Amino acid sequence: MIDDITRLRAAGIADINVDLIAGLPYQTAESWEFSSPKLLLRAFLTPVFTCWRWTTTDSRLGRELMAGGTRYHAHFVPDEELTADM
């Protein structure tokens, strides 16, 4: 990803933003720990860095999660406690 940012800047694109989203399907504490330090480093390479907590919204995944279903990998969304910890 840092290489991608470097290429974007070399192409003259200066307005780059990085988003980190917690609570996505298949996300674990280990995957969060793996991404977080790297993304914090990228924050210094980009003018905008944002950390979000995915919330159940009016989306296909959100509706499936609320229904207790498995479509869209809803059954792999981390629970509220883990998401808050991330």
C-alpha atoms as a PDB file:
ATOM      1  CA  MET A   1       0.000   0.000   0.000  1.00  0.00           C
ATOM      2  CA  ILE A   2       2.848   2.394   0.730  1.00  0.00           C
ATOM      3  CA  ASP A   3       4.148   1.687  -2.777  1.00  0.00           C
ATOM      4  CA  ASP A   4       0.694   2.538  -4.129  1.00  0.00           C
ATOM      5  CA  ILE A   5       0.718   5.875  -2.312  1.00  0.00           C
ATOM      6  CA  THR A   6       4.176   6.586  -3.686  1.00  0.00           C
ATOM      7  CA  ARG A   7       2.976   5.836  -7.236  1.00  0.00           C
ATOM      8  CA  LEU A   8      -0.085   8.059  -6.811  1.00  0.00           C
ATOM      9  CA  ARG A   9       2.080  10.929  -5.611  1.00  0.00           C
ATOM     10  CA  ALA A  10       4.523  10.394  -8.488  1.00  0.00           C
ATOM     11  CA  ALA A  11       1.536  10.670 -10.852  1.00  0.00           C
ATOM     12  CA  GLY A  12       0.736  14.069  -9.339  1.00  0.00           C
ATOM     13  CA  ILE A  13      -2.149  12.967  -7.106  1.00  0.00           C
ATOM     14  CA  ALA A  14      -1.680  14.665  -3.751  1.00  0.00           C
ATOM     15  CA  ASP A  15      -5.136  14.325  -2.188  1.00  0.00           C
ATOM     16  CA  ILE A  16      -4.933  10.762  -0.840  1.00  0.00           C
ATOM     17  CA  ASN A  17      -6.902   9.395   2.074  1.00  0.00           C
ATOM     18  CA  VAL A  18      -6.602   6.127   4.045  1.00  0.00           C
ATOM     19  CA  ASP A  19      -9.549   4.491   5.826  1.00  0.00           C
ATOM     20  CA  LEU A  20      -9.285   1.780   8.468  1.00  0.00           C
ATOM     21  CA  ILE A  21     -12.572  -0.025   9.172  1.00  0.00           C
ATOM     22  CA  ALA A  22     -13.145  -2.285  12.180  1.00  0.00           C
ATOM     23  CA  GLY A  23     -15.852  -4.927  12.298  1.00  0.00           C
ATOM     24  CA  LEU A  24     -15.751  -6.297   8.770  1.00  0.00           C
ATOM     25  CA  PRO A  25     -16.411  -9.957   7.918  1.00  0.00           C
ATOM     26  CA  TYR A  26     -13.444 -12.244   8.627  1.00  0.00           C
ATOM     27  CA  GLN A  27     -11.664  -9.548  10.639  1.00  0.00           C
ATOM     28  CA  THR A  28      -9.890 -10.818  13.738  1.00  0.00           C
ATOM     29  CA  ALA A  29      -7.874  -9.230  16.508  1.00  0.00           C
ATOM     30  CA  GLU A  30      -4.776 -10.620  14.793  1.00  0.00           C
ATOM     31  CA  SER A  31      -5.626  -9.136  11.397  1.00  0.00           C
ATOM     32  CA  TRP A  32      -6.396  -5.798  13.060  1.00  0.00           C
ATOM     33  CA  GLU A  33      -3.031  -5.812  14.840  1.00  0.00           C
ATOM     34  CA  PHE A  34      -1.326  -6.640  11.554  1.00  0.00           C
ATOM     35  CA  SER A  35      -2.976  -3.741   9.698  1.00  0.00           C
ATOM     36  CA  SER A  36      -3.049  -1.034  12.343  1.00  0.00           C
ATOM     37  CA  PRO A  37       0.671  -0.235  12.661  1.00  0.00           C
ATOM     38  CA  LYS A  38       1.064  -0.223   8.892  1.00  0.00           C
ATOM     39  CA  LEU A  39      -1.914   2.062   8.458  1.00  0.00           C
ATOM     40  CA  LEU A  40      -0.707   4.390  11.182  1.00  0.00           C
ATOM     41  CA  LEU A  41       2.547   4.676   9.282  1.00  0.00           C
ATOM     42  CA  ARG A  42       0.570   5.456   6.130  1.00  0.00           C
ATOM     43  CA  ALA A  43      -1.257   8.190   8.019  1.00  0.00           C
ATOM     44  CA  PHE A  44       1.969  10.129   8.007  1.00  0.00           C
ATOM     45  CA  LEU A  45       2.249   9.644   4.255  1.00  0.00           C
ATOM     46  CA  THR A  46      -1.273  10.855   3.482  1.00  0.00           C
ATOM     47  CA  PRO A  47      -3.105  14.063   4.347  1.00  0.00           C
ATOM     48  CA  VAL A  48      -6.239  12.225   5.547  1.00  0.00           C
ATOM     49  CA  PHE A  49      -6.392   9.156   7.802  1.00  0.00           C
ATOM     50  CA  THR A  50      -9.721   7.914   9.145  1.00  0.00           C
ATOM     51  CA  CYS A  51     -10.634   5.043  11.462  1.00  0.00           C
ATOM     52  CA  TRP A  52     -14.208   3.786  11.272  1.00  0.00           C
ATOM     53  CA  ARG A  53     -16.245   1.256  13.155  1.00  0.00           C
ATOM     54  CA  TRP A  54     -18.504  -0.585  10.749  1.00  0.00           C
ATOM     55  CA  THR A  55     -22.051  -0.365  11.968  1.00  0.00           C
ATOM     56  CA  THR A  56     -25.112  -2.264  10.950  1.00  0.00           C
ATOM     57  CA  THR A  57     -26.675   0.081   8.479  1.00  0.00           C
ATOM     58  CA  ASP A  58     -29.298  -0.218   5.829  1.00  0.00           C
ATOM     59  CA  SER A  59     -27.170  -2.437   3.604  1.00  0.00           C
ATOM     60  CA  ARG A  60     -27.475  -6.003   2.370  1.00  0.00           C
ATOM     61  CA  LEU A  61     -24.815  -7.132   4.848  1.00  0.00           C
ATOM     62  CA  GLY A  62     -26.390  -5.189   7.694  1.00  0.00           C
ATOM     63  CA  ARG A  63     -29.860  -6.573   7.052  1.00  0.00           C
ATOM     64  CA  GLU A  64     -28.480 -10.105   6.781  1.00  0.00           C
ATOM     65  CA  LEU A  65     -26.556  -9.691  10.030  1.00  0.00           C
ATOM     66  CA  MET A  66     -29.634  -8.390  11.824  1.00  0.00           C
ATOM     67  CA  ALA A  67     -31.617 -11.375  10.519  1.00  0.00           C
ATOM     68  CA  GLY A  68     -28.994 -13.792  11.819  1.00  0.00           C
ATOM     69  CA  GLY A  69     -28.297 -15.068   8.317  1.00  0.00           C
ATOM     70  CA  THR A  70     -25.153 -16.122   6.512  1.00  0.00           C
ATOM     71  CA  ARG A  71     -25.408 -14.378   3.136  1.00  0.00           C
ATOM     72  CA  TYR A  72     -22.694 -11.810   2.380  1.00  0.00           C
ATOM     73  CA  HIS A  73     -20.551 -13.565   5.022  1.00  0.00           C
ATOM     74  CA  ALA A  74     -22.636 -12.006   7.818  1.00  0.00           C
ATOM     75  CA  HIS A  75     -21.807 -14.911  10.134  1.00  0.00           C
ATOM     76  CA  PHE A  76     -18.126 -13.924   9.926  1.00  0.00           C
ATOM     77  CA  VAL A  77     -18.649 -10.367  11.206  1.00  0.00           C
ATOM     78  CA  PRO A  78     -16.849 -10.037  14.564  1.00  0.00           C
ATOM     79  CA  ASP A  79     -19.061  -9.536  17.593  1.00  0.00           C
ATOM     80  CA  GLU A  80     -19.657  -6.081  19.100  1.00  0.00           C
ATOM     81  CA  GLU A  81     -17.116  -6.570  21.887  1.00  0.00           C
ATOM     82  CA  LEU A  82     -14.267  -7.504  19.540  1.00  0.00           C
ATOM     83  CA  THR A  83     -15.185  -4.718  17.143  1.00  0.00           C
ATOM     84  CA  ALA A  84     -15.130  -2.191  19.999  1.00  0.00           C
ATOM     85  CA  ASP A  85     -11.750  -3.542  21.149  1.00  0.00           C
ATOM     86  CA  MET A  86     -10.331  -3.090  17.668  1.00  0.00           C
END
